[in-house]
Amino acid sequence: MPLISTIRALMEVLDNIYEHLDRHEFTIGIYLDLLNAFETVNHDILLYKLQNYGVRGIVNQWFKSYLRGRRQIVSIGDSYSDVASVKRERERERERERESLFTVANK
């Protein structure tokens, strides 16, 4: 799946909605804030259970993509940030703990 910007993804969703409305078909959108929803569960177990409940194919791949190896870049005008890994809260906490232990050990 190619990487696309949030704006491009939104434009594609809107285009899809307009297509269906032009054909007088109903459209529905379900928007979820998944930022914290997956912070406390084991991702491998979640993906296994989703597979067992019938979440397969592209939808399962979307969840895998969302949960593993996420990276982001920010652009403002013509300026771009470095590519950074998106870390789960627990990973950030562990890093802070290691840094504080290292700081205490070196005093």
N, C-alpha and C. Protein backbone atom coordinates (compact mmCIF):
# COMPACT_ATOMS: atom_id res chain seq x y z
N MET A 1 0.86 -1.17 0.00
CA MET A 1 0.00 0.00 0.00
C MET A 1 0.90 1.23 0.00
N PRO A 2 0.74 2.12 -1.00
CA PRO A 2 1.60 3.29 -1.06
C PRO A 2 1.32 4.27 0.07
N LEU A 3 2.34 5.01 0.46
CA LEU A 3 2.17 6.02 1.50
C LEU A 3 1.51 7.25 0.89
N ILE A 4 0.49 7.75 1.58
CA ILE A 4 -0.18 8.95 1.11
C ILE A 4 -0.37 9.90 2.28
N SER A 5 -0.55 11.16 1.97
CA SER A 5 -0.73 12.13 3.03
C SER A 5 -2.14 12.05 3.58
N THR A 6 -2.34 12.62 4.75
CA THR A 6 -3.66 12.67 5.36
C THR A 6 -4.62 13.44 4.47
N ILE A 7 -4.15 14.53 3.88
CA ILE A 7 -5.01 15.34 3.01
C ILE A 7 -5.44 14.52 1.80
N ARG A 8 -4.52 13.80 1.21
CA ARG A 8 -4.86 12.96 0.04
C ARG A 8 -5.86 11.88 0.43
N ALA A 9 -5.66 11.26 1.59
CA ALA A 9 -6.59 10.22 2.04
C ALA A 9 -7.98 10.82 2.24
N LEU A 10 -8.06 12.02 2.83
CA LEU A 10 -9.34 12.68 3.04
C LEU A 10 -10.00 13.02 1.70
N MET A 11 -9.21 13.47 0.74
CA MET A 11 -9.76 13.78 -0.58
C MET A 11 -10.34 12.54 -1.24
N GLU A 12 -9.68 11.40 -1.08
CA GLU A 12 -10.18 10.16 -1.65
C GLU A 12 -11.48 9.73 -0.99
N VAL A 13 -11.57 9.90 0.33
CA VAL A 13 -12.81 9.56 1.05
C VAL A 13 -13.94 10.46 0.55
N LEU A 14 -13.69 11.76 0.45
CA LEU A 14 -14.72 12.69 -0.03
C LEU A 14 -15.14 12.36 -1.46
N ASP A 15 -14.20 12.03 -2.31
CA ASP A 15 -14.50 11.66 -3.68
C ASP A 15 -15.41 10.44 -3.72
N ASN A 16 -15.11 9.47 -2.88
CA ASN A 16 -15.92 8.25 -2.80
C ASN A 16 -17.34 8.58 -2.34
N ILE A 17 -17.47 9.43 -1.34
CA ILE A 17 -18.79 9.83 -0.83
C ILE A 17 -19.57 10.54 -1.93
N TYR A 18 -18.95 11.49 -2.64
CA TYR A 18 -19.64 12.22 -3.70
C TYR A 18 -20.10 11.28 -4.83
N GLU A 19 -19.26 10.28 -5.16
CA GLU A 19 -19.63 9.30 -6.18
C GLU A 19 -20.93 8.59 -5.82
N HIS A 20 -21.02 8.13 -4.58
CA HIS A 20 -22.20 7.42 -4.14
C HIS A 20 -23.42 8.34 -4.05
N LEU A 21 -23.21 9.56 -3.60
CA LEU A 21 -24.32 10.51 -3.54
C LEU A 21 -24.84 10.83 -4.94
N ASP A 22 -23.94 10.95 -5.91
CA ASP A 22 -24.36 11.20 -7.30
C ASP A 22 -25.24 10.07 -7.83
N ARG A 23 -25.01 8.84 -7.34
CA ARG A 23 -25.82 7.69 -7.76
C ARG A 23 -27.03 7.50 -6.85
N HIS A 24 -27.29 8.50 -5.99
CA HIS A 24 -28.43 8.48 -5.05
C HIS A 24 -28.35 7.28 -4.11
N GLU A 25 -27.14 6.92 -3.73
CA GLU A 25 -26.92 5.83 -2.77
C GLU A 25 -26.64 6.45 -1.40
N PHE A 26 -26.96 5.70 -0.37
CA PHE A 26 -26.69 6.17 0.98
C PHE A 26 -25.20 6.01 1.27
N THR A 27 -24.69 6.90 2.07
CA THR A 27 -23.31 6.78 2.54
C THR A 27 -23.31 6.92 4.05
N ILE A 28 -22.37 6.28 4.66
CA ILE A 28 -22.22 6.37 6.11
C ILE A 28 -20.73 6.41 6.42
N GLY A 29 -20.37 7.16 7.40
CA GLY A 29 -18.98 7.23 7.82
C GLY A 29 -18.89 6.89 9.30
N ILE A 30 -17.90 6.10 9.62
CA ILE A 30 -17.63 5.77 11.02
C ILE A 30 -16.20 6.21 11.27
N TYR A 31 -16.04 7.14 12.18
CA TYR A 31 -14.72 7.69 12.47
C TYR A 31 -14.35 7.35 13.90
N LEU A 32 -13.21 6.73 14.05
CA LEU A 32 -12.76 6.29 15.36
C LEU A 32 -11.45 6.96 15.72
N ASP A 33 -11.32 7.37 16.95
CA ASP A 33 -10.05 7.88 17.45
C ASP A 33 -9.33 6.69 18.06
N LEU A 34 -8.40 6.13 17.32
CA LEU A 34 -7.74 4.90 17.76
C LEU A 34 -6.43 5.16 18.49
N LEU A 35 -6.09 6.42 18.70
CA LEU A 35 -4.80 6.74 19.29
C LEU A 35 -4.53 5.98 20.58
N ASN A 36 -5.45 6.02 21.53
CA ASN A 36 -5.22 5.35 22.81
C ASN A 36 -5.86 3.97 22.89
N ALA A 37 -6.69 3.63 21.93
CA ALA A 37 -7.41 2.36 21.99
C ALA A 37 -6.47 1.16 22.00
N PHE A 38 -5.33 1.27 21.34
CA PHE A 38 -4.44 0.12 21.21
C PHE A 38 -3.21 0.21 22.10
N GLU A 39 -3.16 1.19 22.98
CA GLU A 39 -1.98 1.39 23.82
C GLU A 39 -1.81 0.30 24.86
N THR A 40 -2.90 -0.31 25.31
CA THR A 40 -2.81 -1.22 26.46
C THR A 40 -2.96 -2.69 26.10
N VAL A 41 -3.16 -3.01 24.83
CA VAL A 41 -3.35 -4.42 24.46
C VAL A 41 -2.12 -4.94 23.72
N ASN A 42 -1.92 -6.24 23.82
CA ASN A 42 -0.85 -6.89 23.08
C ASN A 42 -1.27 -6.94 21.62
N HIS A 43 -0.50 -6.32 20.74
CA HIS A 43 -0.90 -6.21 19.34
C HIS A 43 -0.96 -7.56 18.64
N ASP A 44 -0.05 -8.47 18.95
CA ASP A 44 -0.08 -9.78 18.30
C ASP A 44 -1.35 -10.54 18.66
N ILE A 45 -1.75 -10.48 19.92
CA ILE A 45 -2.99 -11.16 20.34
C ILE A 45 -4.19 -10.51 19.68
N LEU A 46 -4.22 -9.18 19.63
CA LEU A 46 -5.33 -8.47 19.00
C LEU A 46 -5.45 -8.87 17.53
N LEU A 47 -4.35 -8.87 16.80
CA LEU A 47 -4.39 -9.22 15.38
C LEU A 47 -4.83 -10.67 15.18
N TYR A 48 -4.40 -11.57 16.05
CA TYR A 48 -4.81 -12.97 15.99
C TYR A 48 -6.32 -13.09 16.20
N LYS A 49 -6.84 -12.38 17.20
CA LYS A 49 -8.27 -12.44 17.48
C LYS A 49 -9.09 -11.82 16.35
N LEU A 50 -8.62 -10.71 15.81
CA LEU A 50 -9.33 -10.11 14.68
C LEU A 50 -9.41 -11.08 13.51
N GLN A 51 -8.31 -11.77 13.24
CA GLN A 51 -8.28 -12.78 12.17
C GLN A 51 -9.30 -13.88 12.45
N ASN A 52 -9.36 -14.35 13.70
CA ASN A 52 -10.31 -15.41 14.06
C ASN A 52 -11.76 -14.96 13.97
N TYR A 53 -12.01 -13.67 14.18
CA TYR A 53 -13.37 -13.14 14.09
C TYR A 53 -13.75 -12.75 12.67
N GLY A 54 -12.88 -13.03 11.72
CA GLY A 54 -13.22 -12.78 10.32
C GLY A 54 -12.69 -11.49 9.73
N VAL A 55 -11.88 -10.76 10.48
CA VAL A 55 -11.29 -9.53 9.94
C VAL A 55 -10.04 -9.97 9.17
N ARG A 56 -10.21 -10.05 7.85
CA ARG A 56 -9.13 -10.57 7.00
C ARG A 56 -8.88 -9.63 5.83
N GLY A 57 -7.90 -9.99 5.04
CA GLY A 57 -7.62 -9.24 3.82
C GLY A 57 -7.13 -7.84 4.09
N ILE A 58 -7.64 -6.91 3.30
CA ILE A 58 -7.17 -5.52 3.36
C ILE A 58 -7.43 -4.89 4.72
N VAL A 59 -8.55 -5.21 5.34
CA VAL A 59 -8.85 -4.62 6.65
C VAL A 59 -7.84 -5.10 7.69
N ASN A 60 -7.51 -6.39 7.66
CA ASN A 60 -6.51 -6.92 8.59
C ASN A 60 -5.15 -6.29 8.32
N GLN A 61 -4.81 -6.13 7.06
CA GLN A 61 -3.54 -5.48 6.71
C GLN A 61 -3.50 -4.04 7.19
N TRP A 62 -4.66 -3.36 7.14
CA TRP A 62 -4.72 -1.99 7.62
C TRP A 62 -4.40 -1.94 9.11
N PHE A 63 -5.01 -2.87 9.89
CA PHE A 63 -4.73 -2.91 11.33
C PHE A 63 -3.25 -3.20 11.58
N LYS A 64 -2.67 -4.17 10.86
CA LYS A 64 -1.24 -4.47 11.03
C LYS A 64 -0.40 -3.25 10.73
N SER A 65 -0.71 -2.58 9.63
CA SER A 65 0.03 -1.39 9.24
C SER A 65 -0.07 -0.31 10.30
N TYR A 66 -1.26 -0.17 10.88
CA TYR A 66 -1.47 0.86 11.90
C TYR A 66 -0.70 0.55 13.17
N LEU A 67 -0.62 -0.74 13.51
CA LEU A 67 -0.05 -1.13 14.80
C LEU A 67 1.46 -1.33 14.76
N ARG A 68 2.02 -1.61 13.60
CA ARG A 68 3.44 -1.98 13.54
C ARG A 68 4.24 -0.98 12.70
N GLY A 69 5.38 -0.63 13.24
CA GLY A 69 6.34 0.17 12.48
C GLY A 69 5.80 1.46 11.92
N ARG A 70 4.97 2.13 12.68
CA ARG A 70 4.39 3.37 12.20
C ARG A 70 5.43 4.48 12.17
N ARG A 71 5.38 5.29 11.11
CA ARG A 71 6.28 6.43 10.99
C ARG A 71 5.47 7.62 10.54
N GLN A 72 5.99 8.79 10.83
CA GLN A 72 5.28 10.00 10.41
C GLN A 72 6.26 11.06 9.99
N ILE A 73 5.75 11.98 9.20
CA ILE A 73 6.51 13.13 8.76
C ILE A 73 5.55 14.32 8.78
N VAL A 74 6.04 15.48 9.13
CA VAL A 74 5.21 16.67 9.19
C VAL A 74 5.71 17.64 8.13
N SER A 75 4.76 18.20 7.36
CA SER A 75 5.14 19.22 6.38
C SER A 75 4.36 20.49 6.65
N ILE A 76 5.08 21.59 6.60
CA ILE A 76 4.47 22.92 6.73
C ILE A 76 5.05 23.74 5.59
N GLY A 77 4.19 24.09 4.66
CA GLY A 77 4.67 24.80 3.48
C GLY A 77 5.66 23.95 2.72
N ASP A 78 6.86 24.49 2.51
CA ASP A 78 7.91 23.75 1.80
C ASP A 78 8.89 23.07 2.75
N SER A 79 8.61 23.12 4.04
CA SER A 79 9.52 22.52 5.03
C SER A 79 8.99 21.17 5.49
N TYR A 80 9.90 20.23 5.66
CA TYR A 80 9.54 18.87 6.09
C TYR A 80 10.38 18.46 7.30
N SER A 81 9.74 17.77 8.23
CA SER A 81 10.48 17.24 9.37
C SER A 81 11.18 15.96 8.95
N ASP A 82 12.04 15.47 9.82
CA ASP A 82 12.63 14.15 9.60
C ASP A 82 11.55 13.10 9.82
N VAL A 83 11.72 11.95 9.20
CA VAL A 83 10.80 10.83 9.42
C VAL A 83 11.07 10.30 10.82
N ALA A 84 10.00 10.11 11.59
CA ALA A 84 10.14 9.64 12.97
C ALA A 84 9.23 8.45 13.20
N SER A 85 9.68 7.54 14.04
CA SER A 85 8.85 6.40 14.43
C SER A 85 7.79 6.87 15.40
N VAL A 86 6.60 6.34 15.25
CA VAL A 86 5.51 6.62 16.18
C VAL A 86 5.54 5.51 17.22
N LYS A 87 5.76 5.89 18.46
CA LYS A 87 5.93 4.89 19.52
C LYS A 87 4.70 4.85 20.41
N ARG A 88 4.43 3.67 20.91
CA ARG A 88 3.35 3.51 21.85
C ARG A 88 3.75 4.13 23.18
N GLU A 89 2.77 4.51 23.96
CA GLU A 89 3.03 5.17 25.25
C GLU A 89 3.92 4.31 26.14
N ARG A 90 3.69 3.00 26.16
CA ARG A 90 4.51 2.13 27.01
C ARG A 90 5.97 2.15 26.57
N GLU A 91 6.21 2.19 25.26
CA GLU A 91 7.58 2.27 24.77
C GLU A 91 8.24 3.56 25.24
N ARG A 92 7.51 4.67 25.16
CA ARG A 92 8.06 5.95 25.61
C ARG A 92 8.35 5.92 27.11
N GLU A 93 7.45 5.30 27.90
CA GLU A 93 7.67 5.21 29.35
C GLU A 93 8.94 4.41 29.64
N ARG A 94 9.11 3.28 28.96
CA ARG A 94 10.30 2.45 29.17
C ARG A 94 11.58 3.22 28.83
N GLU A 95 11.54 3.98 27.74
CA GLU A 95 12.70 4.78 27.37
C GLU A 95 13.02 5.81 28.44
N ARG A 96 11.98 6.47 28.97
CA ARG A 96 12.19 7.47 30.03
C ARG A 96 12.77 6.80 31.28
N GLU A 97 12.27 5.59 31.61
CA GLU A 97 12.79 4.88 32.77
C GLU A 97 14.26 4.52 32.57
N ARG A 98 14.60 4.02 31.37
CA ARG A 98 16.01 3.67 31.09
C ARG A 98 16.90 4.91 31.17
N GLU A 99 16.39 6.03 30.61
CA GLU A 99 17.18 7.26 30.66
C GLU A 99 17.38 7.73 32.09
N SER A 100 16.33 7.65 32.92
CA SER A 100 16.48 8.09 34.31
C SER A 100 17.39 7.16 35.08
N LEU A 101 17.33 5.86 34.82
CA LEU A 101 18.25 4.91 35.48
C LEU A 101 19.68 5.17 35.06
N PHE A 102 19.87 5.47 33.78
CA PHE A 102 21.20 5.76 33.28
C PHE A 102 21.74 7.03 33.92
N THR A 103 20.89 8.03 34.08
CA THR A 103 21.29 9.30 34.69
C THR A 103 21.69 9.08 36.15
N VAL A 104 20.87 8.30 36.90
CA VAL A 104 21.17 8.01 38.30
C VAL A 104 22.46 7.21 38.42
N ALA A 105 22.65 6.25 37.53
CA ALA A 105 23.85 5.40 37.57
C ALA A 105 25.11 6.19 37.28
N ASN A 106 25.02 7.24 36.52
CA ASN A 106 26.19 8.02 36.14
C ASN A 106 26.48 9.20 37.08
N LYS A 107 25.71 9.35 38.14
CA LYS A 107 25.96 10.46 39.06
C LYS A 107 27.00 10.09 40.07
